[in-house]
Protein backbone atom coordinates (compact mmCIF):
# COMPACT_ATOMS: atom_id res chain seq x y z
CA MET A 1 125.56 -84.20 -55.18
CA ALA A 2 124.13 -85.89 -52.08
CA MET A 3 122.94 -83.58 -49.35
CA ALA A 4 124.73 -83.66 -46.00
CA PHE A 5 122.36 -84.87 -43.31
CA THR A 6 122.01 -83.15 -39.94
CA ASP A 7 119.51 -84.79 -37.60
CA LEU A 8 117.33 -81.89 -36.47
CA SER A 9 115.79 -83.94 -33.65
CA ALA A 10 119.18 -83.88 -31.88
CA ASP A 11 120.39 -80.36 -32.74
CA LEU A 12 118.46 -77.35 -31.41
CA ALA A 13 120.92 -74.92 -32.98
CA ALA A 14 120.20 -76.45 -36.38
CA VAL A 15 116.46 -76.16 -35.72
CA ARG A 16 116.89 -72.46 -34.92
CA ALA A 17 118.99 -71.88 -38.03
CA THR A 18 116.46 -73.70 -40.19
CA LEU A 19 113.43 -71.82 -38.84
CA SER A 20 115.27 -68.48 -38.99
CA GLY A 21 116.24 -69.14 -42.60
CA MET A 22 112.58 -69.73 -43.42
CA GLY A 23 111.63 -66.45 -41.76
CA LEU A 24 109.61 -68.29 -39.11
CA LEU A 25 111.74 -67.47 -36.05
CA ALA A 26 113.35 -64.23 -34.93
CA ALA A 27 117.03 -64.27 -34.00
CA ASP A 28 116.54 -64.36 -30.20
CA GLU A 29 113.01 -65.73 -30.06
CA PRO A 30 112.61 -68.62 -27.59
CA PHE A 31 111.06 -71.87 -28.80
CA VAL A 32 110.22 -75.34 -27.53
CA VAL A 33 110.62 -78.56 -29.52
CA GLU A 34 108.39 -81.60 -29.05
CA PRO A 35 109.16 -84.67 -31.21
CA LEU A 36 106.18 -86.59 -32.53
CA THR A 37 106.49 -90.37 -32.41
CA GLY A 38 105.00 -93.19 -34.46
CA GLY A 39 106.40 -92.56 -37.93
CA VAL A 40 109.24 -94.56 -39.45
CA SER A 41 110.47 -92.35 -42.27
CA SER A 42 110.90 -88.84 -40.86
CA ASN A 43 111.59 -86.57 -37.95
CA VAL A 44 108.47 -84.56 -37.20
CA LEU A 45 108.94 -81.83 -34.61
CA VAL A 46 106.26 -79.58 -33.13
CA ILE A 47 107.73 -76.12 -32.61
CA SER A 48 106.09 -73.78 -30.12
CA THR A 49 107.00 -70.08 -30.11
CA GLY A 50 104.79 -68.16 -27.74
CA GLU A 51 101.26 -68.42 -29.12
CA ARG A 52 102.31 -70.04 -32.39
CA ARG A 53 102.80 -73.72 -33.16
CA LEU A 54 104.03 -75.33 -36.37
CA CYS A 55 105.46 -78.62 -37.56
CA LEU A 56 108.95 -79.13 -38.92
CA LYS A 57 109.41 -82.30 -40.98
CA GLN A 58 112.72 -83.83 -42.06
CA ALA A 59 113.12 -87.00 -44.14
CA LEU A 60 115.43 -89.66 -42.68
CA PRO A 61 118.03 -91.49 -44.82
CA ARG A 62 117.31 -94.79 -43.04
CA LEU A 63 113.78 -95.77 -42.08
CA LYS A 64 113.06 -96.92 -38.53
CA VAL A 65 112.16 -100.54 -39.26
CA ALA A 66 113.79 -103.85 -38.37
CA LYS A 67 115.22 -104.56 -41.83
CA GLU A 68 117.68 -102.13 -43.42
CA TRP A 69 115.72 -99.70 -45.59
CA LEU A 70 117.73 -96.85 -47.11
CA VAL A 71 116.07 -94.14 -49.20
CA PRO A 72 117.24 -90.72 -50.48
CA ILE A 73 116.22 -87.76 -48.35
CA SER A 74 115.56 -85.74 -51.51
CA ARG A 75 112.11 -87.38 -51.46
CA ILE A 76 111.01 -84.57 -49.14
CA TYR A 77 110.66 -82.32 -52.18
CA ALA A 78 108.12 -84.63 -53.77
CA GLU A 79 106.05 -84.28 -50.59
CA ILE A 80 106.29 -80.50 -50.68
CA ASP A 81 105.25 -80.48 -54.34
CA TRP A 82 102.35 -82.86 -53.63
CA LEU A 83 101.07 -80.68 -50.78
CA THR A 84 101.24 -77.49 -52.82
CA THR A 85 99.66 -79.15 -55.87
CA VAL A 86 96.76 -80.62 -53.91
CA ALA A 87 96.21 -77.28 -52.17
CA THR A 88 95.27 -75.86 -55.58
CA ILE A 89 92.61 -78.58 -55.94
CA GLU A 90 91.15 -78.42 -52.42
CA PRO A 91 93.04 -76.55 -49.66
CA THR A 92 91.17 -78.32 -46.85
CA LEU A 93 92.78 -81.63 -47.84
CA VAL A 94 96.30 -80.67 -46.73
CA PRO A 95 98.16 -78.61 -44.13
CA ALA A 96 99.63 -75.38 -45.48
CA VAL A 97 103.35 -75.36 -46.31
CA LEU A 98 104.98 -72.46 -44.43
CA GLY A 99 108.62 -72.70 -45.47
CA VAL A 100 111.27 -74.93 -47.07
CA ASP A 101 114.96 -75.52 -46.28
CA ARG A 102 116.49 -77.54 -49.09
CA ALA A 103 119.92 -77.67 -47.48
CA ALA A 104 118.49 -79.34 -44.37
CA GLY A 105 116.07 -81.47 -46.37
CA CYS A 106 113.04 -80.28 -44.43
CA PHE A 107 109.98 -78.05 -44.51
CA ALA A 108 107.63 -76.34 -42.08
CA MET A 109 103.89 -76.76 -42.21
CA GLU A 110 100.76 -75.78 -40.38
CA PHE A 111 100.20 -77.53 -37.04
CA LEU A 112 96.80 -79.18 -36.80
CA ALA A 113 95.80 -79.69 -33.18
CA PRO A 114 94.84 -83.30 -32.36
CA ALA A 115 91.74 -82.17 -30.48
CA GLU A 116 90.27 -80.82 -33.73
CA HIS A 117 92.04 -83.26 -36.06
CA PRO A 118 92.09 -86.75 -34.52
CA ASN A 119 94.10 -89.44 -36.27
CA TRP A 120 92.02 -91.88 -38.31
CA LYS A 121 94.14 -94.92 -37.43
CA ALA A 122 93.82 -94.21 -33.71
CA ARG A 123 90.05 -93.94 -34.08
CA LEU A 124 89.81 -97.17 -36.05
CA MET A 125 91.99 -99.13 -33.64
CA ALA A 126 89.85 -97.84 -30.76
CA GLY A 127 86.81 -99.34 -32.49
CA SER A 128 85.32 -96.09 -33.76
CA VAL A 129 84.48 -96.68 -37.43
CA ASP A 130 82.50 -94.19 -39.52
CA PRO A 131 81.75 -95.50 -43.02
CA ALA A 132 80.61 -92.03 -44.08
CA PHE A 133 84.11 -90.67 -43.42
CA ALA A 134 85.59 -93.47 -45.51
CA GLY A 135 83.25 -92.52 -48.34
CA LEU A 136 84.31 -88.89 -48.04
CA LEU A 137 87.96 -89.93 -48.21
CA GLY A 138 87.28 -91.99 -51.34
CA ASP A 139 85.59 -88.99 -52.90
CA ARG A 140 88.49 -86.66 -52.11
CA LEU A 141 91.09 -89.16 -53.32
CA GLY A 142 89.15 -89.61 -56.54
CA ARG A 143 89.01 -85.86 -57.01
CA ILE A 144 92.78 -85.58 -56.68
CA HIS A 145 93.33 -88.32 -59.23
CA ALA A 146 90.78 -86.92 -61.68
CA ALA A 147 92.08 -83.36 -61.43
CA THR A 148 95.73 -84.33 -61.87
CA ALA A 149 95.03 -86.79 -64.69
CA ARG A 150 94.03 -83.71 -66.67
CA ARG A 151 97.41 -82.09 -65.94
CA PRO A 152 100.00 -84.21 -67.73
CA GLU A 153 102.61 -81.49 -67.23
CA LEU A 154 102.83 -82.72 -63.62
CA ALA A 155 104.58 -85.84 -64.87
CA ALA A 156 107.88 -83.97 -65.05
CA THR A 157 107.58 -82.61 -61.49
CA PHE A 158 106.77 -86.03 -60.08
CA ALA A 159 109.19 -88.18 -62.08
CA THR A 160 110.15 -89.91 -58.83
CA ASP A 161 110.27 -93.47 -60.15
CA ALA A 162 113.47 -94.37 -58.30
CA ASP A 163 112.13 -93.14 -54.96
CA PHE A 164 108.78 -94.89 -55.48
CA HIS A 165 110.62 -98.12 -56.23
CA ALA A 166 112.77 -97.74 -53.10
CA LEU A 167 109.87 -96.76 -50.85
CA ARG A 168 107.03 -98.89 -52.17
CA LEU A 169 107.64 -101.41 -54.94
CA ASP A 170 110.77 -103.03 -53.53
CA PRO A 171 110.09 -103.09 -49.76
CA TYR A 172 106.45 -104.10 -50.12
CA LEU A 173 106.01 -106.20 -53.25
CA LEU A 174 109.49 -107.38 -54.25
CA GLU A 175 110.45 -108.20 -50.66
CA THR A 176 107.29 -110.28 -50.48
CA ALA A 177 108.29 -112.00 -53.71
CA ARG A 178 111.66 -112.87 -52.16
CA ASN A 179 109.84 -114.42 -49.20
CA HIS A 180 107.32 -116.30 -51.36
CA PRO A 181 109.30 -117.62 -54.35
CA ASP A 182 106.34 -119.62 -55.66
CA LEU A 183 104.39 -116.36 -56.08
CA ALA A 184 107.35 -114.29 -57.29
CA ALA A 185 106.32 -114.24 -60.95
CA ARG A 186 102.85 -112.93 -60.10
CA LEU A 187 104.16 -110.30 -57.70
CA GLU A 188 106.80 -109.17 -60.18
CA ALA A 189 104.14 -108.88 -62.90
CA VAL A 190 102.08 -106.59 -60.66
CA VAL A 191 105.18 -104.51 -59.97
CA GLU A 192 105.85 -104.16 -63.68
CA THR A 193 102.26 -103.12 -64.42
CA THR A 194 102.34 -100.58 -61.61
CA ARG A 195 105.76 -99.26 -62.61
CA THR A 196 104.73 -98.62 -66.21
CA THR A 197 101.22 -97.21 -65.67
CA LYS A 198 101.45 -93.40 -65.83
CA LEU A 199 98.10 -91.69 -65.44
CA ALA A 200 97.84 -89.30 -62.47
CA LEU A 201 99.43 -87.95 -59.31
CA VAL A 202 99.79 -90.65 -56.66
CA HIS A 203 100.20 -89.97 -52.92
CA GLY A 204 101.77 -93.38 -52.30
CA ASP A 205 100.99 -93.74 -48.58
CA VAL A 206 97.24 -93.30 -48.13
CA SER A 207 97.24 -95.05 -44.78
CA PRO A 208 94.94 -94.25 -41.82
CA LYS A 209 98.00 -93.19 -39.81
CA ASN A 210 98.53 -90.40 -42.37
CA ILE A 211 94.93 -89.18 -42.37
CA LEU A 212 93.36 -86.76 -39.93
CA ILE A 213 89.64 -86.36 -39.35
CA GLY A 214 89.27 -82.61 -39.76
CA PRO A 215 86.26 -80.37 -39.20
CA ARG A 216 85.84 -80.10 -42.98
CA GLY A 217 86.72 -83.68 -43.83
CA PRO A 218 89.90 -85.72 -44.30
CA VAL A 219 93.36 -84.14 -44.19
CA LEU A 220 96.15 -86.09 -45.90
CA LEU A 221 99.72 -86.06 -44.59
CA ASP A 222 103.08 -87.71 -45.38
CA ALA A 223 103.23 -87.59 -49.17
CA GLU A 224 106.95 -88.31 -49.49
CA CYS A 225 106.16 -91.26 -51.80
CA ALA A 226 104.41 -88.92 -54.26
CA TRP A 227 104.80 -90.09 -57.84
CA TRP A 228 103.30 -89.64 -61.29
CA GLY A 229 101.94 -93.11 -61.89
CA ASP A 230 99.04 -95.45 -61.24
CA PRO A 231 96.16 -94.10 -59.11
CA ALA A 232 95.08 -97.71 -58.51
CA PHE A 233 97.98 -97.89 -56.05
CA ASP A 234 96.49 -95.24 -53.75
CA LEU A 235 93.09 -96.90 -53.79
CA ALA A 236 94.46 -100.38 -53.07
CA PHE A 237 96.90 -99.14 -50.43
CA CYS A 238 94.13 -97.48 -48.40
CA LEU A 239 91.61 -100.31 -48.79
CA ASN A 240 94.26 -102.76 -47.60
CA HIS A 241 94.33 -101.09 -44.19
CA LEU A 242 90.58 -101.49 -43.77
CA LEU A 243 90.82 -105.20 -44.56
CA LEU A 244 93.74 -105.75 -42.21
CA LYS A 245 91.89 -104.04 -39.38
CA ALA A 246 88.83 -106.18 -40.09
CA ALA A 247 91.05 -109.18 -39.35
CA VAL A 248 91.77 -107.96 -35.82
CA LEU A 249 88.67 -105.96 -34.80
CA PRO A 250 85.69 -108.35 -34.92
CA ALA A 251 83.35 -106.00 -33.03
CA VAL A 252 83.47 -103.41 -35.82
CA ARG A 253 84.07 -105.77 -38.72
CA PRO A 254 80.74 -104.99 -40.46
CA ALA A 255 81.46 -101.25 -40.29
CA LEU A 256 84.95 -101.78 -41.70
CA PHE A 257 83.62 -103.73 -44.68
CA GLU A 258 80.97 -101.07 -45.22
CA SER A 259 83.76 -98.46 -45.11
CA PHE A 260 85.59 -100.50 -47.75
CA ARG A 261 82.52 -100.47 -49.99
CA ARG A 262 81.83 -96.76 -49.56
CA LEU A 263 85.43 -95.70 -50.14
CA THR A 264 85.60 -97.86 -53.27
CA ALA A 265 82.35 -96.56 -54.75
CA ALA A 266 83.16 -92.92 -54.03
CA HIS A 267 86.58 -93.17 -55.63
CA LEU A 268 85.47 -95.10 -58.71
CA ALA A 269 82.73 -92.52 -59.33
CA HIS A 270 85.49 -90.07 -60.33
CA VAL A 271 87.32 -92.36 -62.75
CA ASP A 272 86.92 -90.83 -66.19
CA TRP A 273 90.53 -90.88 -67.40
CA GLU A 274 90.30 -94.59 -68.34
CA PRO A 275 87.70 -97.39 -68.23
CA VAL A 276 86.65 -97.98 -64.62
CA ASP A 277 87.01 -101.75 -65.01
CA ALA A 278 90.65 -101.37 -66.02
CA LEU A 279 91.56 -99.37 -62.94
CA GLU A 280 89.57 -101.65 -60.64
CA ALA A 281 91.28 -104.77 -61.99
CA ARG A 282 94.72 -103.27 -61.33
CA ALA A 283 93.64 -102.15 -57.85
CA ALA A 284 92.27 -105.61 -57.02
CA ALA A 285 95.51 -107.31 -58.09
CA LEU A 286 97.53 -104.80 -56.08
CA LEU A 287 95.29 -105.22 -53.05
CA ALA A 288 95.87 -108.96 -52.93
CA CYS A 289 99.64 -108.39 -53.10
CA LEU A 290 99.59 -105.64 -50.48
CA LEU A 291 97.70 -107.86 -48.05
CA LEU A 292 100.58 -110.32 -48.10
CA ALA A 293 103.13 -107.50 -48.11
CA ARG A 294 101.91 -106.24 -44.74
CA VAL A 295 102.79 -109.66 -43.33
CA ASP A 296 105.97 -110.59 -45.18
CA GLY A 297 107.31 -107.33 -46.61
CA LYS A 298 109.72 -104.93 -44.93
CA SER A 299 106.95 -103.06 -43.08
CA PRO A 300 104.65 -105.64 -41.44
CA ALA A 301 101.51 -104.37 -39.72
CA GLU A 302 102.43 -104.17 -36.05
CA TYR A 303 98.95 -105.11 -34.80
CA LEU A 304 98.84 -108.54 -36.48
CA ASP A 305 99.80 -111.36 -34.10
CA ALA A 306 101.11 -114.69 -35.36
CA GLY A 307 97.64 -116.17 -35.78
CA ARG A 308 96.33 -113.17 -37.69
CA ARG A 309 99.43 -113.15 -39.90
CA ASP A 310 98.75 -116.76 -40.84
CA LEU A 311 95.13 -115.91 -41.56
CA VAL A 312 96.10 -113.01 -43.85
CA ARG A 313 98.61 -115.23 -45.66
CA ALA A 314 95.91 -117.86 -46.18
CA ALA A 315 93.58 -115.23 -47.60
CA ALA A 316 96.09 -113.41 -49.79
CA ARG A 317 98.04 -116.22 -51.43
CA PRO A 318 95.21 -117.65 -53.59
CA LEU A 319 94.19 -114.13 -54.61
CA ILE A 320 97.71 -113.47 -55.86
CA ALA A 321 97.89 -116.78 -57.69
CA GLN A 322 94.56 -116.10 -59.43
CA PRO A 323 94.00 -112.32 -59.39
CA PRO A 324 90.44 -111.11 -58.84
CA VAL A 325 89.03 -108.54 -61.26
CA SER A 326 86.98 -106.60 -58.69
CA LEU A 327 87.71 -105.07 -55.32
CA ALA A 328 84.47 -106.50 -53.95
CA ALA A 329 85.77 -110.00 -54.69
CA VAL A 330 88.83 -109.36 -52.50
CA ALA A 331 86.70 -108.06 -49.63
CA THR A 332 84.22 -110.93 -49.89
CA HIS A 333 87.04 -113.48 -49.84
CA LEU A 334 88.70 -111.95 -46.78
CA GLU A 335 85.36 -111.52 -45.02
CA ARG A 336 84.70 -115.24 -45.42
CA ILE A 337 88.19 -116.16 -44.15
CA VAL A 338 88.14 -113.97 -41.04
CA ALA A 339 84.62 -115.02 -40.12
CA SER A 340 85.47 -118.74 -40.20
């Protein structure tokens, strides 16, 4: 049965009931709600109660993008399960889950103050690029994949194929295929390979906007696309953002490509669940497709102007038509295009 949806961002009484039901708010305790902006898939509210602050996150049934994009709000439970699973591997990688309200389709988690946990995307877009941090992220992501690849029982918990299709495969890759019919067969083949590769726990949205720079390293947020599937997707998805930013930030372009190399090497160093070359080939094919998807899919990168979009198209299309077998080949190709 589908869950009834109550928008917590517009209903303080519902927020109180939700927090009280989790045991996080006393009956008459005052609180203040501050909505966080920038995301497209969820309500994220910062709740302040005296000296305490926490985050309340609720999945939205319709994403806040130009094209209609409907997804089930039950995906919030995959995020909760991902956070609690990764906390058993390395607690510093995730905020702590404080409470869950299944009826409201939301959960409460630890609030991480921006002063101590700046957002990686904001830093990158401001021209502050630290390749060492990218390497650390690649290491942590590889550790998650390696640890979960050894836990095949997680496949049942994260059998979220329908959600992953609705959140990732269709709006990114298949939408791009609809907009580029001459490349549709190649894009659909990559979708089929990704859909049927089942090896480890995948976050599904390893984007700089979902990564904080914490005192003890990266902190990963927004795992509502979590899925038991192909770890190559996480690697390609994150590397794609570094390449796209290299297209628009010439002053830090060398540091972004160095970040690409360090993240790749650190992640691949953990790959022992299959031949490294096999994973890298899938990641390279995905990366080429994702480059084009951030121009002509349902969620285009907002910082690409018309000229940069054309440049990314020119770089991505030949890579999709003739897939590279290494991630370095994708980076080298884009580096040559953006420098010309």
